[in-house]
Amino acid sequence: MNARRKPAVGILVYATVTFGLSAYFVFAAVQGDFGLFRRAEIEVEGNRLTAELAQLESEVERMENLTLRLSDDYLDLDLLDQQARDVIGLMRSDEIVVR
C-alpha cells in the first residue's frame, strides 16, 4: 500500500511543478517586458512618435522657408515688414492703431 502512494505523490508534485512553470511562462509571454501587451504599447508609441516627427519636420520646413525669405540672398520685403511690426512694434507714420 505504501509503495502505491509514493508514485501518486510524485505524479502530483510533477503535475504541480509543470502547471506552475507553464502558468509562469504564459504570464511572462503576455505581460512580461517582451510580452504581447508591451509590444502593443511599443507600437502605439511608435505611431505617436512618427506623427510627432512629421509635425516637427513640417515646422522645420516652415522655419527654413522663413529664414530663407529673410536672408541676404533673398529678401522678402512683405515678410520683413510683418516681422518688424510683430517683434518691434514698428508702424508707419500714416497708420492708426486701434486696440
N, C-alpha and C. Protein backbone atom coordinates (compact mmCIF):
# COMPACT_ATOMS: atom_id res chain seq x y z
N MET A 1 0.81 -1.18 0.00
CA MET A 1 0.00 0.00 0.00
C MET A 1 0.86 1.26 0.00
N ASN A 2 1.91 1.28 0.76
CA ASN A 2 2.82 2.42 0.79
C ASN A 2 3.52 2.61 -0.54
N ALA A 3 3.82 1.52 -1.20
CA ALA A 3 4.51 1.59 -2.48
C ALA A 3 3.66 2.29 -3.54
N ARG A 4 2.36 2.15 -3.45
CA ARG A 4 1.47 2.81 -4.42
C ARG A 4 1.32 4.31 -4.14
N ARG A 5 1.39 4.76 -2.95
CA ARG A 5 1.21 6.19 -2.63
C ARG A 5 2.40 7.03 -3.08
N LYS A 6 3.58 6.53 -3.02
CA LYS A 6 4.75 7.31 -3.42
C LYS A 6 4.69 7.70 -4.89
N PRO A 7 4.38 6.82 -5.83
CA PRO A 7 4.26 7.27 -7.22
C PRO A 7 3.13 8.28 -7.42
N ALA A 8 2.04 8.14 -6.70
CA ALA A 8 0.93 9.08 -6.83
C ALA A 8 1.35 10.47 -6.36
N VAL A 9 2.12 10.52 -5.27
CA VAL A 9 2.61 11.81 -4.76
C VAL A 9 3.62 12.39 -5.75
N GLY A 10 4.46 11.57 -6.32
CA GLY A 10 5.44 12.03 -7.31
C GLY A 10 4.77 12.61 -8.54
N ILE A 11 3.72 11.95 -9.00
CA ILE A 11 2.98 12.45 -10.17
C ILE A 11 2.29 13.77 -9.83
N LEU A 12 1.74 13.85 -8.62
CA LEU A 12 1.09 15.09 -8.19
C LEU A 12 2.09 16.24 -8.11
N VAL A 13 3.26 15.99 -7.56
CA VAL A 13 4.31 17.02 -7.47
C VAL A 13 4.75 17.41 -8.88
N TYR A 14 4.96 16.42 -9.75
CA TYR A 14 5.37 16.70 -11.14
C TYR A 14 4.32 17.54 -11.86
N ALA A 15 3.05 17.18 -11.71
CA ALA A 15 1.97 17.92 -12.37
C ALA A 15 1.87 19.34 -11.83
N THR A 16 2.06 19.51 -10.53
CA THR A 16 2.00 20.85 -9.92
C THR A 16 3.15 21.73 -10.41
N VAL A 17 4.34 21.18 -10.44
CA VAL A 17 5.50 21.94 -10.91
C VAL A 17 5.34 22.28 -12.39
N THR A 18 4.89 21.33 -13.18
CA THR A 18 4.68 21.58 -14.62
C THR A 18 3.62 22.65 -14.83
N PHE A 19 2.51 22.56 -14.11
CA PHE A 19 1.47 23.59 -14.23
C PHE A 19 1.98 24.95 -13.79
N GLY A 20 2.72 24.99 -12.71
CA GLY A 20 3.26 26.26 -12.21
C GLY A 20 4.21 26.90 -13.21
N LEU A 21 5.11 26.11 -13.79
CA LEU A 21 6.04 26.65 -14.78
C LEU A 21 5.30 27.10 -16.05
N SER A 22 4.31 26.32 -16.45
CA SER A 22 3.53 26.71 -17.64
C SER A 22 2.80 28.03 -17.39
N ALA A 23 2.20 28.16 -16.21
CA ALA A 23 1.49 29.40 -15.88
C ALA A 23 2.46 30.59 -15.86
N TYR A 24 3.66 30.38 -15.32
CA TYR A 24 4.64 31.46 -15.27
C TYR A 24 5.05 31.90 -16.67
N PHE A 25 5.32 30.95 -17.54
CA PHE A 25 5.76 31.30 -18.90
C PHE A 25 4.63 31.95 -19.71
N VAL A 26 3.40 31.51 -19.51
CA VAL A 26 2.28 32.16 -20.19
C VAL A 26 2.12 33.59 -19.69
N PHE A 27 2.22 33.78 -18.38
CA PHE A 27 2.14 35.12 -17.82
C PHE A 27 3.25 36.02 -18.37
N ALA A 28 4.47 35.50 -18.41
CA ALA A 28 5.60 36.27 -18.92
C ALA A 28 5.42 36.59 -20.40
N ALA A 29 4.85 35.67 -21.17
CA ALA A 29 4.65 35.91 -22.60
C ALA A 29 3.60 36.98 -22.84
N VAL A 30 2.66 37.12 -21.93
CA VAL A 30 1.60 38.10 -22.12
C VAL A 30 1.95 39.45 -21.49
N GLN A 31 2.44 39.44 -20.26
CA GLN A 31 2.64 40.70 -19.54
C GLN A 31 4.09 41.01 -19.20
N GLY A 32 5.03 40.24 -19.66
CA GLY A 32 6.43 40.49 -19.34
C GLY A 32 6.99 41.67 -20.11
N ASP A 33 8.29 41.92 -19.92
CA ASP A 33 8.97 43.03 -20.59
C ASP A 33 8.93 42.89 -22.10
N PHE A 34 8.89 41.67 -22.60
CA PHE A 34 8.85 41.43 -24.04
C PHE A 34 7.54 40.75 -24.43
N GLY A 35 6.49 40.93 -23.65
CA GLY A 35 5.22 40.26 -23.87
C GLY A 35 4.34 40.99 -24.87
N LEU A 36 3.15 40.43 -25.05
CA LEU A 36 2.21 40.96 -26.04
C LEU A 36 1.73 42.37 -25.69
N PHE A 37 1.44 42.60 -24.41
CA PHE A 37 0.97 43.93 -24.01
C PHE A 37 2.05 44.98 -24.22
N ARG A 38 3.28 44.65 -23.91
CA ARG A 38 4.39 45.60 -24.10
C ARG A 38 4.60 45.89 -25.58
N ARG A 39 4.43 44.85 -26.41
CA ARG A 39 4.58 45.06 -27.85
C ARG A 39 3.51 46.01 -28.37
N ALA A 40 2.27 45.86 -27.89
CA ALA A 40 1.21 46.77 -28.30
C ALA A 40 1.51 48.20 -27.86
N GLU A 41 2.03 48.36 -26.64
CA GLU A 41 2.40 49.69 -26.15
C GLU A 41 3.49 50.30 -27.02
N ILE A 42 4.46 49.50 -27.41
CA ILE A 42 5.57 49.99 -28.23
C ILE A 42 5.07 50.41 -29.60
N GLU A 43 4.13 49.65 -30.19
CA GLU A 43 3.59 50.01 -31.49
C GLU A 43 2.81 51.33 -31.44
N VAL A 44 2.02 51.51 -30.39
CA VAL A 44 1.27 52.75 -30.23
C VAL A 44 2.23 53.93 -30.05
N GLU A 45 3.25 53.74 -29.23
CA GLU A 45 4.25 54.79 -29.01
C GLU A 45 4.99 55.12 -30.30
N GLY A 46 5.30 54.08 -31.09
CA GLY A 46 5.96 54.30 -32.37
C GLY A 46 5.10 55.11 -33.33
N ASN A 47 3.80 54.81 -33.38
CA ASN A 47 2.89 55.57 -34.24
C ASN A 47 2.79 57.02 -33.78
N ARG A 48 2.74 57.23 -32.46
CA ARG A 48 2.66 58.60 -31.94
C ARG A 48 3.93 59.38 -32.26
N LEU A 49 5.07 58.72 -32.11
CA LEU A 49 6.34 59.40 -32.40
C LEU A 49 6.50 59.67 -33.90
N THR A 50 5.98 58.80 -34.75
CA THR A 50 6.02 59.04 -36.19
C THR A 50 5.19 60.26 -36.56
N ALA A 51 4.02 60.38 -35.95
CA ALA A 51 3.18 61.55 -36.21
C ALA A 51 3.85 62.82 -35.69
N GLU A 52 4.48 62.74 -34.52
CA GLU A 52 5.18 63.91 -33.98
C GLU A 52 6.36 64.29 -34.86
N LEU A 53 7.06 63.30 -35.39
CA LEU A 53 8.19 63.57 -36.29
C LEU A 53 7.71 64.29 -37.55
N ALA A 54 6.60 63.85 -38.12
CA ALA A 54 6.07 64.51 -39.31
C ALA A 54 5.69 65.95 -39.01
N GLN A 55 5.10 66.19 -37.84
CA GLN A 55 4.74 67.56 -37.46
C GLN A 55 5.99 68.41 -37.29
N LEU A 56 7.01 67.88 -36.64
CA LEU A 56 8.25 68.63 -36.44
C LEU A 56 8.97 68.90 -37.75
N GLU A 57 8.93 67.94 -38.67
CA GLU A 57 9.57 68.15 -39.98
C GLU A 57 8.87 69.26 -40.75
N SER A 58 7.54 69.31 -40.68
CA SER A 58 6.83 70.40 -41.37
C SER A 58 7.13 71.75 -40.72
N GLU A 59 7.28 71.77 -39.39
CA GLU A 59 7.63 73.01 -38.69
C GLU A 59 9.04 73.47 -39.08
N VAL A 60 9.97 72.53 -39.18
CA VAL A 60 11.33 72.86 -39.59
C VAL A 60 11.34 73.39 -41.01
N GLU A 61 10.55 72.77 -41.88
CA GLU A 61 10.47 73.24 -43.27
C GLU A 61 9.91 74.66 -43.35
N ARG A 62 8.90 74.94 -42.53
CA ARG A 62 8.32 76.28 -42.49
C ARG A 62 9.35 77.30 -42.00
N MET A 63 10.10 76.95 -40.96
CA MET A 63 11.11 77.86 -40.42
C MET A 63 12.26 78.07 -41.41
N GLU A 64 12.64 77.01 -42.11
CA GLU A 64 13.69 77.16 -43.13
C GLU A 64 13.23 78.10 -44.23
N ASN A 65 11.95 78.00 -44.60
CA ASN A 65 11.40 78.89 -45.63
C ASN A 65 11.43 80.34 -45.15
N LEU A 66 11.02 80.57 -43.90
CA LEU A 66 11.04 81.94 -43.37
C LEU A 66 12.47 82.46 -43.25
N THR A 67 13.39 81.61 -42.85
CA THR A 67 14.79 82.02 -42.75
C THR A 67 15.35 82.39 -44.11
N LEU A 68 15.02 81.59 -45.12
CA LEU A 68 15.47 81.90 -46.47
C LEU A 68 14.90 83.23 -46.95
N ARG A 69 13.63 83.46 -46.63
CA ARG A 69 12.99 84.69 -47.11
C ARG A 69 13.51 85.93 -46.40
N LEU A 70 14.18 85.77 -45.27
CA LEU A 70 14.76 86.92 -44.58
C LEU A 70 16.28 86.98 -44.74
N SER A 71 16.85 86.11 -45.55
CA SER A 71 18.31 86.08 -45.71
C SER A 71 18.76 87.20 -46.64
N ASP A 72 20.09 87.40 -46.71
CA ASP A 72 20.66 88.43 -47.57
C ASP A 72 20.49 88.10 -49.05
N ASP A 73 20.49 86.81 -49.37
CA ASP A 73 20.37 86.40 -50.78
C ASP A 73 18.97 86.61 -51.34
N TYR A 74 17.96 86.48 -50.50
CA TYR A 74 16.58 86.58 -50.95
C TYR A 74 15.79 87.28 -49.86
N LEU A 75 15.47 88.54 -50.05
CA LEU A 75 14.80 89.31 -49.01
C LEU A 75 13.35 89.58 -49.43
N ASP A 76 12.43 89.06 -48.66
CA ASP A 76 11.00 89.28 -48.89
C ASP A 76 10.59 90.50 -48.07
N LEU A 77 10.33 91.60 -48.73
CA LEU A 77 10.04 92.85 -48.03
C LEU A 77 8.74 92.78 -47.24
N ASP A 78 7.75 92.06 -47.75
CA ASP A 78 6.49 91.92 -47.01
C ASP A 78 6.70 91.17 -45.70
N LEU A 79 7.49 90.10 -45.75
CA LEU A 79 7.77 89.35 -44.54
C LEU A 79 8.60 90.18 -43.57
N LEU A 80 9.56 90.93 -44.08
CA LEU A 80 10.37 91.80 -43.23
C LEU A 80 9.50 92.85 -42.55
N ASP A 81 8.55 93.42 -43.28
CA ASP A 81 7.63 94.41 -42.72
C ASP A 81 6.76 93.77 -41.63
N GLN A 82 6.26 92.58 -41.91
CA GLN A 82 5.43 91.88 -40.92
C GLN A 82 6.22 91.56 -39.66
N GLN A 83 7.46 91.09 -39.80
CA GLN A 83 8.28 90.77 -38.64
C GLN A 83 8.62 92.03 -37.85
N ALA A 84 8.89 93.11 -38.52
CA ALA A 84 9.19 94.37 -37.83
C ALA A 84 7.98 94.84 -37.04
N ARG A 85 6.80 94.67 -37.59
CA ARG A 85 5.59 95.07 -36.87
C ARG A 85 5.34 94.17 -35.66
N ASP A 86 5.51 92.84 -35.85
CA ASP A 86 5.21 91.89 -34.78
C ASP A 86 6.24 91.96 -33.65
N VAL A 87 7.51 91.97 -34.00
CA VAL A 87 8.56 91.86 -32.99
C VAL A 87 8.86 93.20 -32.34
N ILE A 88 9.06 94.22 -33.15
CA ILE A 88 9.48 95.52 -32.62
C ILE A 88 8.28 96.41 -32.29
N GLY A 89 7.15 96.17 -32.93
CA GLY A 89 6.00 97.04 -32.75
C GLY A 89 6.09 98.25 -33.65
N LEU A 90 6.82 98.13 -34.75
CA LEU A 90 7.03 99.22 -35.68
C LEU A 90 5.77 99.48 -36.48
N MET A 91 5.50 100.75 -36.76
CA MET A 91 4.38 101.12 -37.61
C MET A 91 4.74 102.36 -38.42
N ARG A 92 4.05 102.50 -39.52
CA ARG A 92 4.31 103.67 -40.38
C ARG A 92 3.62 104.90 -39.81
N SER A 93 4.06 106.07 -40.28
CA SER A 93 3.52 107.33 -39.73
C SER A 93 2.09 107.58 -40.19
N ASP A 94 1.66 106.94 -41.29
CA ASP A 94 0.30 107.19 -41.78
C ASP A 94 -0.70 106.13 -41.26
N GLU A 95 -0.31 105.30 -40.33
CA GLU A 95 -1.20 104.26 -39.81
C GLU A 95 -1.79 104.69 -38.45
N ILE A 96 -2.97 104.20 -38.19
CA ILE A 96 -3.63 104.45 -36.90
C ILE A 96 -3.78 103.11 -36.20
N VAL A 97 -3.42 103.05 -34.92
CA VAL A 97 -3.51 101.81 -34.14
C VAL A 97 -4.83 101.79 -33.41
N VAL A 98 -5.58 100.71 -33.60
CA VAL A 98 -6.85 100.53 -32.92
C VAL A 98 -6.71 99.32 -31.99
N ARG A 99 -7.01 99.53 -30.71
CA ARG A 99 -6.88 98.41 -29.74
C ARG A 99 -8.21 97.98 -29.25
